[in-house]
Amino acid sequence: MGDNAIDWAATNADPRFQELHRRKAGFLSLLMIVSVVYYFMLPVGAAWFPELFRIRVAGVVNVGLLFALSQFLVAWGVAALYTRRANREFDRLAEEINREIGDRHLRGAVR
C-alpha cells in the first residue's frame, strides 16, 4: 500500500463498522421480507380469493385494483422508513467511522 492508501481491511475489522453493517443488513432484510410478502399477496390473493378482489368499490374500481395501487404506497413507506432510520442512526455511525478513517489517513500522509 502507498502512503495515500486507505487500509480497508482495518476498516472492515473495526467493531463499529461491523455493528453498522449488522444493523443495516438486519433492517434491510426485514424491509425486504415485508415488501416481498406484500408483493406476492396480490397474485396469491387474486388466485385464491378472486371474489374478494372483484368487489367493486366505486365504478370500475375494485378491491384488486386498490390492492395493486397500494403496492406503491408500501414501496414509498419502505423508502420513508429506510430514509428515517438511515438519517437517524446509520449515517451518524458511518460519519463517525469515516471521520476516524480520514484522520488516520491524514496522519499517515503527513509522515
PDB file of N, CA and C in Angstrom:
ATOM      1  N   MET A   1       0.829  -1.180   0.000  1.00  0.00           N
ATOM      2  CA  MET A   1       0.000   0.000   0.000  1.00  0.00           C
ATOM      3  C   MET A   1       0.872   1.241   0.000  1.00  0.00           C
ATOM      4  N   GLY A   2       0.455   2.255  -0.738  1.00  0.00           N
ATOM      5  CA  GLY A   2       1.167   3.515  -0.727  1.00  0.00           C
ATOM      6  C   GLY A   2       0.782   4.341   0.487  1.00  0.00           C
ATOM      7  N   ASP A   3       1.437   5.484   0.604  1.00  0.00           N
ATOM      8  CA  ASP A   3       1.159   6.356   1.750  1.00  0.00           C
ATOM      9  C   ASP A   3      -0.275   6.869   1.750  1.00  0.00           C
ATOM     10  N   ASN A   4      -0.873   7.014   0.578  1.00  0.00           N
ATOM     11  CA  ASN A   4      -2.214   7.589   0.488  1.00  0.00           C
ATOM     12  C   ASN A   4      -3.323   6.544   0.476  1.00  0.00           C
ATOM     13  N   ALA A   5      -2.962   5.271   0.587  1.00  0.00           N
ATOM     14  CA  ALA A   5      -3.970   4.203   0.524  1.00  0.00           C
ATOM     15  C   ALA A   5      -4.684   4.062   1.859  1.00  0.00           C
ATOM     16  N   ILE A   6      -5.967   3.803   1.786  1.00  0.00           N
ATOM     17  CA  ILE A   6      -6.766   3.556   2.984  1.00  0.00           C
ATOM     18  C   ILE A   6      -6.687   2.074   3.306  1.00  0.00           C
ATOM     19  N   ASP A   7      -6.533   1.753   4.556  1.00  0.00           N
ATOM     20  CA  ASP A   7      -6.451   0.360   4.988  1.00  0.00           C
ATOM     21  C   ASP A   7      -7.872  -0.192   5.134  1.00  0.00           C
ATOM     22  N   TRP A   8      -8.393  -0.771   4.047  1.00  0.00           N
ATOM     23  CA  TRP A   8      -9.772  -1.256   4.039  1.00  0.00           C
ATOM     24  C   TRP A   8      -9.951  -2.455   4.949  1.00  0.00           C
ATOM     25  N   ALA A   9      -8.926  -3.266   5.098  1.00  0.00           N
ATOM     26  CA  ALA A   9      -9.022  -4.430   5.988  1.00  0.00           C
ATOM     27  C   ALA A   9      -9.215  -3.976   7.430  1.00  0.00           C
ATOM     28  N   ALA A  10      -8.493  -2.926   7.832  1.00  0.00           N
ATOM     29  CA  ALA A  10      -8.652  -2.389   9.194  1.00  0.00           C
ATOM     30  C   ALA A  10     -10.035  -1.777   9.365  1.00  0.00           C
ATOM     31  N   THR A  11     -10.525  -1.118   8.338  1.00  0.00           N
ATOM     32  CA  THR A  11     -11.868  -0.537   8.399  1.00  0.00           C
ATOM     33  C   THR A  11     -12.909  -1.632   8.544  1.00  0.00           C
ATOM     34  N   ASN A  12     -12.767  -2.680   7.760  1.00  0.00           N
ATOM     35  CA  ASN A  12     -13.714  -3.793   7.818  1.00  0.00           C
ATOM     36  C   ASN A  12     -13.660  -4.511   9.166  1.00  0.00           C
ATOM     37  N   ALA A  13     -12.495  -4.531   9.792  1.00  0.00           N
ATOM     38  CA  ALA A  13     -12.337  -5.202  11.083  1.00  0.00           C
ATOM     39  C   ALA A  13     -12.793  -4.336  12.252  1.00  0.00           C
ATOM     40  N   ASP A  14     -12.998  -3.060  12.016  1.00  0.00           N
ATOM     41  CA  ASP A  14     -13.419  -2.140  13.082  1.00  0.00           C
ATOM     42  C   ASP A  14     -14.762  -2.604  13.661  1.00  0.00           C
ATOM     43  N   PRO A  15     -14.880  -2.767  14.970  1.00  0.00           N
ATOM     44  CA  PRO A  15     -16.133  -3.246  15.575  1.00  0.00           C
ATOM     45  C   PRO A  15     -17.324  -2.327  15.295  1.00  0.00           C
ATOM     46  N   ARG A  16     -17.063  -1.028  15.177  1.00  0.00           N
ATOM     47  CA  ARG A  16     -18.169  -0.094  14.870  1.00  0.00           C
ATOM     48  C   ARG A  16     -18.680  -0.308  13.456  1.00  0.00           C
ATOM     49  N   PHE A  17     -17.763  -0.579  12.522  1.00  0.00           N
ATOM     50  CA  PHE A  17     -18.176  -0.867  11.154  1.00  0.00           C
ATOM     51  C   PHE A  17     -18.968  -2.167  11.099  1.00  0.00           C
ATOM     52  N   GLN A  18     -18.501  -3.171  11.826  1.00  0.00           N
ATOM     53  CA  GLN A  18     -19.209  -4.452  11.886  1.00  0.00           C
ATOM     54  C   GLN A  18     -20.620  -4.253  12.440  1.00  0.00           C
ATOM     55  N   GLU A  19     -20.746  -3.446  13.493  1.00  0.00           N
ATOM     56  CA  GLU A  19     -22.057  -3.171  14.094  1.00  0.00           C
ATOM     57  C   GLU A  19     -22.960  -2.421  13.116  1.00  0.00           C
ATOM     58  N   LEU A  20     -22.402  -1.434  12.434  1.00  0.00           N
ATOM     59  CA  LEU A  20     -23.170  -0.690  11.432  1.00  0.00           C
ATOM     60  C   LEU A  20     -23.666  -1.639  10.348  1.00  0.00           C
ATOM     61  N   HIS A  21     -22.789  -2.478   9.858  1.00  0.00           N
ATOM     62  CA  HIS A  21     -23.163  -3.423   8.806  1.00  0.00           C
ATOM     63  C   HIS A  21     -24.245  -4.395   9.298  1.00  0.00           C
ATOM     64  N   ARG A  22     -24.091  -4.897  10.521  1.00  0.00           N
ATOM     65  CA  ARG A  22     -25.063  -5.838  11.084  1.00  0.00           C
ATOM     66  C   ARG A  22     -26.439  -5.179  11.230  1.00  0.00           C
ATOM     67  N   ARG A  23     -26.467  -3.966  11.773  1.00  0.00           N
ATOM     68  CA  ARG A  23     -27.749  -3.268  11.950  1.00  0.00           C
ATOM     69  C   ARG A  23     -28.419  -2.962  10.616  1.00  0.00           C
ATOM     70  N   LYS A  24     -27.614  -2.466   9.695  1.00  0.00           N
ATOM     71  CA  LYS A  24     -28.161  -2.100   8.387  1.00  0.00           C
ATOM     72  C   LYS A  24     -28.668  -3.333   7.637  1.00  0.00           C
ATOM     73  N   ALA A  25     -27.900  -4.403   7.651  1.00  0.00           N
ATOM     74  CA  ALA A  25     -28.309  -5.634   6.957  1.00  0.00           C
ATOM     75  C   ALA A  25     -29.574  -6.213   7.587  1.00  0.00           C
ATOM     76  N   GLY A  26     -29.660  -6.185   8.900  1.00  0.00           N
ATOM     77  CA  GLY A  26     -30.856  -6.695   9.575  1.00  0.00           C
ATOM     78  C   GLY A  26     -32.092  -5.889   9.229  1.00  0.00           C
ATOM     79  N   PHE A  27     -31.951  -4.570   9.244  1.00  0.00           N
ATOM     80  CA  PHE A  27     -33.085  -3.699   8.933  1.00  0.00           C
ATOM     81  C   PHE A  27     -33.510  -3.857   7.476  1.00  0.00           C
ATOM     82  N   LEU A  28     -32.537  -3.902   6.574  1.00  0.00           N
ATOM     83  CA  LEU A  28     -32.863  -4.063   5.160  1.00  0.00           C
ATOM     84  C   LEU A  28     -33.486  -5.425   4.878  1.00  0.00           C
ATOM     85  N   SER A  29     -33.026  -6.447   5.577  1.00  0.00           N
ATOM     86  CA  SER A  29     -33.619  -7.781   5.408  1.00  0.00           C
ATOM     87  C   SER A  29     -35.080  -7.784   5.824  1.00  0.00           C
ATOM     88  N   LEU A  30     -35.365  -7.147   6.942  1.00  0.00           N
ATOM     89  CA  LEU A  30     -36.753  -7.047   7.407  1.00  0.00           C
ATOM     90  C   LEU A  30     -37.618  -6.304   6.388  1.00  0.00           C
ATOM     91  N   LEU A  31     -37.133  -5.167   5.893  1.00  0.00           N
ATOM     92  CA  LEU A  31     -37.898  -4.409   4.896  1.00  0.00           C
ATOM     93  C   LEU A  31     -38.099  -5.219   3.624  1.00  0.00           C
ATOM     94  N   MET A  32     -37.081  -5.964   3.211  1.00  0.00           N
ATOM     95  CA  MET A  32     -37.203  -6.774   2.001  1.00  0.00           C
ATOM     96  C   MET A  32     -38.245  -7.881   2.183  1.00  0.00           C
ATOM     97  N   ILE A  33     -38.220  -8.544   3.331  1.00  0.00           N
ATOM     98  CA  ILE A  33     -39.179  -9.613   3.587  1.00  0.00           C
ATOM     99  C   ILE A  33     -40.602  -9.065   3.577  1.00  0.00           C
ATOM    100  N   VAL A  34     -40.818  -7.948   4.249  1.00  0.00           N
ATOM    101  CA  VAL A  34     -42.152  -7.337   4.268  1.00  0.00           C
ATOM    102  C   VAL A  34     -42.585  -6.970   2.855  1.00  0.00           C
ATOM    103  N   SER A  35     -41.688  -6.376   2.086  1.00  0.00           N
ATOM    104  CA  SER A  35     -42.016  -5.970   0.712  1.00  0.00           C
ATOM    105  C   SER A  35     -42.349  -7.160  -0.172  1.00  0.00           C
ATOM    106  N   VAL A  36     -41.556  -8.209  -0.094  1.00  0.00           N
ATOM    107  CA  VAL A  36     -41.777  -9.384  -0.944  1.00  0.00           C
ATOM    108  C   VAL A  36     -43.085 -10.083  -0.573  1.00  0.00           C
ATOM    109  N   VAL A  37     -43.337 -10.218   0.721  1.00  0.00           N
ATOM    110  CA  VAL A  37     -44.592 -10.849   1.159  1.00  0.00           C
ATOM    111  C   VAL A  37     -45.783 -10.034   0.672  1.00  0.00           C
ATOM    112  N   TYR A  38     -45.719  -8.714   0.834  1.00  0.00           N
ATOM    113  CA  TYR A  38     -46.831  -7.873   0.393  1.00  0.00           C
ATOM    114  C   TYR A  38     -47.002  -7.940  -1.126  1.00  0.00           C
ATOM    115  N   TYR A  39     -45.884  -7.956  -1.848  1.00  0.00           N
ATOM    116  CA  TYR A  39     -45.934  -8.034  -3.302  1.00  0.00           C
ATOM    117  C   TYR A  39     -46.640  -9.313  -3.762  1.00  0.00           C
ATOM    118  N   PHE A  40     -46.291 -10.443  -3.156  1.00  0.00           N
ATOM    119  CA  PHE A  40     -46.876 -11.715  -3.585  1.00  0.00           C
ATOM    120  C   PHE A  40     -48.293 -11.934  -3.057  1.00  0.00           C
ATOM    121  N   MET A  41     -48.738 -11.099  -2.150  1.00  0.00           N
ATOM    122  CA  MET A  41     -50.124 -11.200  -1.694  1.00  0.00           C
ATOM    123  C   MET A  41     -51.102 -10.863  -2.822  1.00  0.00           C
ATOM    124  N   LEU A  42     -50.690 -10.037  -3.764  1.00  0.00           N
ATOM    125  CA  LEU A  42     -51.579  -9.675  -4.880  1.00  0.00           C
ATOM    126  C   LEU A  42     -51.863 -10.879  -5.781  1.00  0.00           C
ATOM    127  N   PRO A  43     -50.869 -11.520  -6.373  1.00  0.00           N
ATOM    128  CA  PRO A  43     -51.209 -12.655  -7.245  1.00  0.00           C
ATOM    129  C   PRO A  43     -51.797 -13.841  -6.482  1.00  0.00           C
ATOM    130  N   VAL A  44     -51.310 -14.079  -5.281  1.00  0.00           N
ATOM    131  CA  VAL A  44     -51.847 -15.185  -4.493  1.00  0.00           C
ATOM    132  C   VAL A  44     -53.294 -14.891  -4.104  1.00  0.00           C
ATOM    133  N   GLY A  45     -53.551 -13.675  -3.657  1.00  0.00           N
ATOM    134  CA  GLY A  45     -54.917 -13.293  -3.295  1.00  0.00           C
ATOM    135  C   GLY A  45     -55.861 -13.330  -4.482  1.00  0.00           C
ATOM    136  N   ALA A  46     -55.373 -12.842  -5.628  1.00  0.00           N
ATOM    137  CA  ALA A  46     -56.211 -12.854  -6.829  1.00  0.00           C
ATOM    138  C   ALA A  46     -56.521 -14.275  -7.286  1.00  0.00           C
ATOM    139  N   ALA A  47     -55.565 -15.189  -7.075  1.00  0.00           N
ATOM    140  CA  ALA A  47     -55.783 -16.576  -7.494  1.00  0.00           C
ATOM    141  C   ALA A  47     -56.684 -17.338  -6.524  1.00  0.00           C
ATOM    142  N   TRP A  48     -56.499 -17.133  -5.235  1.00  0.00           N
ATOM    143  CA  TRP A  48     -57.231 -17.908  -4.241  1.00  0.00           C
ATOM    144  C   TRP A  48     -58.525 -17.245  -3.758  1.00  0.00           C
ATOM    145  N   PHE A  49     -58.589 -15.923  -3.870  1.00  0.00           N
ATOM    146  CA  PHE A  49     -59.785 -15.195  -3.410  1.00  0.00           C
ATOM    147  C   PHE A  49     -60.285 -14.237  -4.484  1.00  0.00           C
ATOM    148  N   PRO A  50     -60.576 -14.732  -5.693  1.00  0.00           N
ATOM    149  CA  PRO A  50     -60.975 -13.830  -6.776  1.00  0.00           C
ATOM    150  C   PRO A  50     -62.263 -13.059  -6.471  1.00  0.00           C
ATOM    151  N   GLU A  51     -63.168 -13.687  -5.718  1.00  0.00           N
ATOM    152  CA  GLU A  51     -64.415 -12.984  -5.396  1.00  0.00           C
ATOM    153  C   GLU A  51     -64.153 -11.762  -4.513  1.00  0.00           C
ATOM    154  N   LEU A  52     -63.160 -11.831  -3.649  1.00  0.00           N
ATOM    155  CA  LEU A  52     -62.802 -10.678  -2.817  1.00  0.00           C
ATOM    156  C   LEU A  52     -62.206  -9.566  -3.671  1.00  0.00           C
ATOM    157  N   PHE A  53     -61.355  -9.924  -4.605  1.00  0.00           N
ATOM    158  CA  PHE A  53     -60.676  -8.931  -5.435  1.00  0.00           C
ATOM    159  C   PHE A  53     -61.617  -8.308  -6.467  1.00  0.00           C
ATOM    160  N   ARG A  54     -62.759  -8.949  -6.736  1.00  0.00           N
ATOM    161  CA  ARG A  54     -63.731  -8.411  -7.700  1.00  0.00           C
ATOM    162  C   ARG A  54     -64.726  -7.442  -7.077  1.00  0.00           C
ATOM    163  N   ILE A  55     -64.741  -7.339  -5.778  1.00  0.00           N
ATOM    164  CA  ILE A  55     -65.717  -6.449  -5.117  1.00  0.00           C
ATOM    165  C   ILE A  55     -65.486  -5.021  -5.592  1.00  0.00           C
ATOM    166  N   ARG A  56     -66.550  -4.429  -6.112  1.00  0.00           N
ATOM    167  CA  ARG A  56     -66.456  -3.056  -6.625  1.00  0.00           C
ATOM    168  C   ARG A  56     -66.539  -2.066  -5.466  1.00  0.00           C
ATOM    169  N   VAL A  57     -65.678  -1.079  -5.537  1.00  0.00           N
ATOM    170  CA  VAL A  57     -65.645  -0.042  -4.510  1.00  0.00           C
ATOM    171  C   VAL A  57     -66.346   1.211  -5.032  1.00  0.00           C
ATOM    172  N   ALA A  58     -66.005   1.616  -6.256  1.00  0.00           N
ATOM    173  CA  ALA A  58     -66.620   2.784  -6.884  1.00  0.00           C
ATOM    174  C   ALA A  58     -66.459   2.640  -8.395  1.00  0.00           C
ATOM    175  N   GLY A  59     -67.553   2.569  -9.114  1.00  0.00           N
ATOM    176  CA  GLY A  59     -67.497   2.435 -10.574  1.00  0.00           C
ATOM    177  C   GLY A  59     -66.761   1.167 -10.969  1.00  0.00           C
ATOM    178  N   VAL A  60     -65.698   1.330 -11.771  1.00  0.00           N
ATOM    179  CA  VAL A  60     -64.920   0.175 -12.213  1.00  0.00           C
ATOM    180  C   VAL A  60     -63.781  -0.154 -11.241  1.00  0.00           C
ATOM    181  N   VAL A  61     -63.640   0.635 -10.223  1.00  0.00           N
ATOM    182  CA  VAL A  61     -62.570   0.428  -9.238  1.00  0.00           C
ATOM    183  C   VAL A  61     -62.983  -0.693  -8.284  1.00  0.00           C
ATOM    184  N   ASN A  62     -62.138  -1.731  -8.195  1.00  0.00           N
ATOM    185  CA  ASN A  62     -62.446  -2.845  -7.301  1.00  0.00           C
ATOM    186  C   ASN A  62     -61.325  -3.032  -6.273  1.00  0.00           C
ATOM    187  N   VAL A  63     -61.519  -3.972  -5.381  1.00  0.00           N
ATOM    188  CA  VAL A  63     -60.551  -4.228  -4.320  1.00  0.00           C
ATOM    189  C   VAL A  63     -59.197  -4.632  -4.904  1.00  0.00           C
ATOM    190  N   GLY A  64     -59.190  -5.425  -5.956  1.00  0.00           N
ATOM    191  CA  GLY A  64     -57.936  -5.854  -6.581  1.00  0.00           C
ATOM    192  C   GLY A  64     -57.127  -4.681  -7.113  1.00  0.00           C
ATOM    193  N   LEU A  65     -57.815  -3.756  -7.762  1.00  0.00           N
ATOM    194  CA  LEU A  65     -57.126  -2.576  -8.283  1.00  0.00           C
ATOM    195  C   LEU A  65     -56.577  -1.728  -7.136  1.00  0.00           C
ATOM    196  N   LEU A  66     -57.365  -1.533  -6.089  1.00  0.00           N
ATOM    197  CA  LEU A  66     -56.890  -0.764  -4.940  1.00  0.00           C
ATOM    198  C   LEU A  66     -55.705  -1.449  -4.263  1.00  0.00           C
ATOM    199  N   PHE A  67     -55.765  -2.779  -4.167  1.00  0.00           N
ATOM    200  CA  PHE A  67     -54.649  -3.508  -3.582  1.00  0.00           C
ATOM    201  C   PHE A  67     -53.400  -3.347  -4.437  1.00  0.00           C
ATOM    202  N   ALA A  68     -53.562  -3.426  -5.753  1.00  0.00           N
ATOM    203  CA  ALA A  68     -52.418  -3.253  -6.654  1.00  0.00           C
ATOM    204  C   ALA A  68     -51.816  -1.854  -6.502  1.00  0.00           C
ATOM    205  N   LEU A  69     -52.660  -0.854  -6.409  1.00  0.00           N
ATOM    206  CA  LEU A  69     -52.163   0.520  -6.235  1.00  0.00           C
ATOM    207  C   LEU A  69     -51.532   0.715  -4.858  1.00  0.00           C
ATOM    208  N   SER A  70     -51.992  -0.047  -3.881  1.00  0.00           N
ATOM    209  CA  SER A  70     -51.419   0.071  -2.545  1.00  0.00           C
ATOM    210  C   SER A  70     -49.962  -0.388  -2.517  1.00  0.00           C
ATOM    211  N   GLN A  71     -49.560  -1.156  -3.524  1.00  0.00           N
ATOM    212  CA  GLN A  71     -48.159  -1.587  -3.605  1.00  0.00           C
ATOM    213  C   GLN A  71     -47.228  -0.370  -3.703  1.00  0.00           C
ATOM    214  N   PHE A  72     -47.678   0.665  -4.388  1.00  0.00           N
ATOM    215  CA  PHE A  72     -46.884   1.896  -4.474  1.00  0.00           C
ATOM    216  C   PHE A  72     -46.750   2.543  -3.104  1.00  0.00           C
ATOM    217  N   LEU A  73     -47.839   2.549  -2.351  1.00  0.00           N
ATOM    218  CA  LEU A  73     -47.793   3.126  -1.003  1.00  0.00           C
ATOM    219  C   LEU A  73     -46.832   2.348  -0.104  1.00  0.00           C
ATOM    220  N   VAL A  74     -46.844   1.043  -0.228  1.00  0.00           N
ATOM    221  CA  VAL A  74     -45.931   0.221   0.563  1.00  0.00           C
ATOM    222  C   VAL A  74     -44.486   0.513   0.158  1.00  0.00           C
ATOM    223  N   ALA A  75     -44.221   0.618  -1.127  1.00  0.00           N
ATOM    224  CA  ALA A  75     -42.862   0.922  -1.591  1.00  0.00           C
ATOM    225  C   ALA A  75     -42.401   2.281  -1.064  1.00  0.00           C
ATOM    226  N   TRP A  76     -43.265   3.281  -1.127  1.00  0.00           N
ATOM    227  CA  TRP A  76     -42.915   4.608  -0.601  1.00  0.00           C
ATOM    228  C   TRP A  76     -42.737   4.561   0.918  1.00  0.00           C
ATOM    229  N   GLY A  77     -43.556   3.769   1.575  1.00  0.00           N
ATOM    230  CA  GLY A  77     -43.424   3.605   3.024  1.00  0.00           C
ATOM    231  C   GLY A  77     -42.098   2.963   3.403  1.00  0.00           C
ATOM    232  N   VAL A  78     -41.709   1.941   2.652  1.00  0.00           N
ATOM    233  CA  VAL A  78     -40.421   1.281   2.890  1.00  0.00           C
ATOM    234  C   VAL A  78     -39.287   2.286   2.689  1.00  0.00           C
ATOM    235  N   ALA A  79     -39.372   3.066   1.611  1.00  0.00           N
ATOM    236  CA  ALA A  79     -38.333   4.072   1.350  1.00  0.00           C
ATOM    237  C   ALA A  79     -38.290   5.112   2.466  1.00  0.00           C
ATOM    238  N   ALA A  80     -39.451   5.546   2.937  1.00  0.00           N
ATOM    239  CA  ALA A  80     -39.503   6.534   4.017  1.00  0.00           C
ATOM    240  C   ALA A  80     -38.939   5.965   5.319  1.00  0.00           C
ATOM    241  N   LEU A  81     -39.290   4.722   5.628  1.00  0.00           N
ATOM    242  CA  LEU A  81     -38.754   4.086   6.838  1.00  0.00           C
ATOM    243  C   LEU A  81     -37.233   3.971   6.780  1.00  0.00           C
ATOM    244  N   TYR A  82     -36.730   3.535   5.625  1.00  0.00           N
ATOM    245  CA  TYR A  82     -35.286   3.401   5.496  1.00  0.00           C
ATOM    246  C   TYR A  82     -34.608   4.764   5.613  1.00  0.00           C
ATOM    247  N   THR A  83     -35.139   5.769   4.950  1.00  0.00           N
ATOM    248  CA  THR A  83     -34.553   7.106   4.993  1.00  0.00           C
ATOM    249  C   THR A  83     -34.532   7.645   6.415  1.00  0.00           C
ATOM    250  N   ARG A  84     -35.621   7.457   7.119  1.00  0.00           N
ATOM    251  CA  ARG A  84     -35.702   7.932   8.505  1.00  0.00           C
ATOM    252  C   ARG A  84     -34.661   7.232   9.381  1.00  0.00           C
ATOM    253  N   ARG A  85     -34.569   5.921   9.265  1.00  0.00           N
ATOM    254  CA  ARG A  85     -33.618   5.154  10.068  1.00  0.00           C
ATOM    255  C   ARG A  85     -32.179   5.485   9.681  1.00  0.00           C
ATOM    256  N   ALA A  86     -31.934   5.627   8.377  1.00  0.00           N
ATOM    257  CA  ALA A  86     -30.584   5.961   7.912  1.00  0.00           C
ATOM    258  C   ALA A  86     -30.159   7.329   8.427  1.00  0.00           C
ATOM    259  N   ASN A  87     -31.039   8.310   8.335  1.00  0.00           N
ATOM    260  CA  ASN A  87     -30.711   9.651   8.807  1.00  0.00           C
ATOM    261  C   ASN A  87     -30.483   9.676  10.314  1.00  0.00           C
ATOM    262  N   ARG A  88     -31.242   8.904  11.040  1.00  0.00           N
ATOM    263  CA  ARG A  88     -31.186   8.919  12.494  1.00  0.00           C
ATOM    264  C   ARG A  88     -30.039   8.077  13.048  1.00  0.00           C
ATOM    265  N   GLU A  89     -29.723   6.961  12.411  1.00  0.00           N
ATOM    266  CA  GLU A  89     -28.790   6.013  13.004  1.00  0.00           C
ATOM    267  C   GLU A  89     -27.611   5.672  12.089  1.00  0.00           C
ATOM    268  N   PHE A  90     -27.883   5.161  10.903  1.00  0.00           N
ATOM    269  CA  PHE A  90     -26.817   4.653  10.043  1.00  0.00           C
ATOM    270  C   PHE A  90     -25.843   5.744   9.613  1.00  0.00           C
ATOM    271  N   ASP A  91     -26.355   6.891   9.211  1.00  0.00           N
ATOM    272  CA  ASP A  91     -25.488   7.964   8.739  1.00  0.00           C
ATOM    273  C   ASP A  91     -24.594   8.493   9.858  1.00  0.00           C
ATOM    274  N   ARG A  92     -25.118   8.566  11.072  1.00  0.00           N
ATOM    275  CA  ARG A  92     -24.331   9.037  12.212  1.00  0.00           C
ATOM    276  C   ARG A  92     -23.159   8.089  12.474  1.00  0.00           C
ATOM    277  N   LEU A  93     -23.450   6.779  12.498  1.00  0.00           N
ATOM    278  CA  LEU A  93     -22.389   5.797  12.720  1.00  0.00           C
ATOM    279  C   LEU A  93     -21.361   5.820  11.583  1.00  0.00           C
ATOM    280  N   ALA A  94     -21.835   5.910  10.360  1.00  0.00           N
ATOM    281  CA  ALA A  94     -20.928   5.935   9.211  1.00  0.00           C
ATOM    282  C   ALA A  94     -20.047   7.184   9.248  1.00  0.00           C
ATOM    283  N   GLU A  95     -20.598   8.307   9.651  1.00  0.00           N
ATOM    284  CA  GLU A  95     -19.825   9.548   9.732  1.00  0.00           C
ATOM    285  C   GLU A  95     -18.726   9.441  10.788  1.00  0.00           C
ATOM    286  N   GLU A  96     -19.030   8.825  11.921  1.00  0.00           N
ATOM    287  CA  GLU A  96     -18.013   8.630  12.961  1.00  0.00           C
ATOM    288  C   GLU A  96     -16.854   7.779  12.424  1.00  0.00           C
ATOM    289  N   ILE A  97     -17.196   6.692  11.782  1.00  0.00           N
ATOM    290  CA  ILE A  97     -16.170   5.801  11.237  1.00  0.00           C
ATOM    291  C   ILE A  97     -15.383   6.524  10.150  1.00  0.00           C
ATOM    292  N   ASN A  98     -16.079   7.211   9.276  1.00  0.00           N
ATOM    293  CA  ASN A  98     -15.439   7.930   8.179  1.00  0.00           C
ATOM    294  C   ASN A  98     -14.503   9.013   8.701  1.00  0.00           C
ATOM    295  N   ARG A  99     -14.912   9.725   9.728  1.00  0.00           N
ATOM    296  CA  ARG A  99     -14.082  10.777  10.309  1.00  0.00           C
ATOM    297  C   ARG A  99     -12.780  10.181  10.858  1.00  0.00           C
ATOM    298  N   GLU A 100     -12.899   9.070  11.582  1.00  0.00           N
ATOM    299  CA  GLU A 100     -11.701   8.444  12.142  1.00  0.00           C
ATOM    300  C   GLU A 100     -10.786   7.913  11.040  1.00  0.00           C
ATOM    301  N   ILE A 101     -11.354   7.312  10.010  1.00  0.00           N
ATOM    302  CA  ILE A 101     -10.541   6.806   8.901  1.00  0.00           C
ATOM    303  C   ILE A 101      -9.834   7.971   8.206  1.00  0.00           C
ATOM    304  N   GLY A 102     -10.554   9.054   8.001  1.00  0.00           N
ATOM    305  CA  GLY A 102      -9.951  10.244   7.383  1.00  0.00           C
ATOM    306  C   GLY A 102      -8.817  10.801   8.226  1.00  0.00           C
ATOM    307  N   ASP A 103      -9.014  10.836   9.547  1.00  0.00           N
ATOM    308  CA  ASP A 103      -7.953  11.321  10.437  1.00  0.00           C
ATOM    309  C   ASP A 103      -6.733  10.415  10.359  1.00  0.00           C
ATOM    310  N   ARG A 104      -6.957   9.088  10.379  1.00  0.00           N
ATOM    311  CA  ARG A 104      -5.844   8.144  10.276  1.00  0.00           C
ATOM    312  C   ARG A 104      -5.130   8.306   8.939  1.00  0.00           C
ATOM    313  N   HIS A 105      -5.930   8.499   7.897  1.00  0.00           N
ATOM    314  CA  HIS A 105      -5.375   8.635   6.551  1.00  0.00           C
ATOM    315  C   HIS A 105      -4.512   9.891   6.467  1.00  0.00           C
ATOM    316  N   LEU A 106      -4.997  10.994   7.037  1.00  0.00           N
ATOM    317  CA  LEU A 106      -4.236  12.242   7.003  1.00  0.00           C
ATOM    318  C   LEU A 106      -2.963  12.140   7.833  1.00  0.00           C
ATOM    319  N   ARG A 107      -3.053  11.481   8.990  1.00  0.00           N
ATOM    320  CA  ARG A 107      -1.850  11.316   9.813  1.00  0.00           C
ATOM    321  C   ARG A 107      -0.814  10.488   9.072  1.00  0.00           C
ATOM    322  N   GLY A 108      -1.268   9.455   8.351  1.00  0.00           N
ATOM    323  CA  GLY A 108      -0.354   8.601   7.593  1.00  0.00           C
ATOM    324  C   GLY A 108       0.265   9.342   6.424  1.00  0.00           C
ATOM    325  N   ALA A 109      -0.478  10.263   5.799  1.00  0.00           N
ATOM    326  CA  ALA A 109       0.031  11.008   4.646  1.00  0.00           C
ATOM    327  C   ALA A 109       1.041  12.060   5.074  1.00  0.00           C
ATOM    328  N   VAL A 110       0.957  12.556   6.314  1.00  0.00           N
ATOM    329  CA  VAL A 110       1.860  13.581   6.799  1.00  0.00           C
ATOM    330  C   VAL A 110       3.240  13.005   7.056  1.00  0.00           C
ATOM    331  N   ARG A 111       3.311  11.737   7.443  1.00  0.00           N
ATOM    332  CA  ARG A 111       4.608  11.125   7.777  1.00  0.00           C
ATOM    333  C   ARG A 111       5.560  11.146   6.637  1.00  0.00           C
TER     334      ARG A 111
END
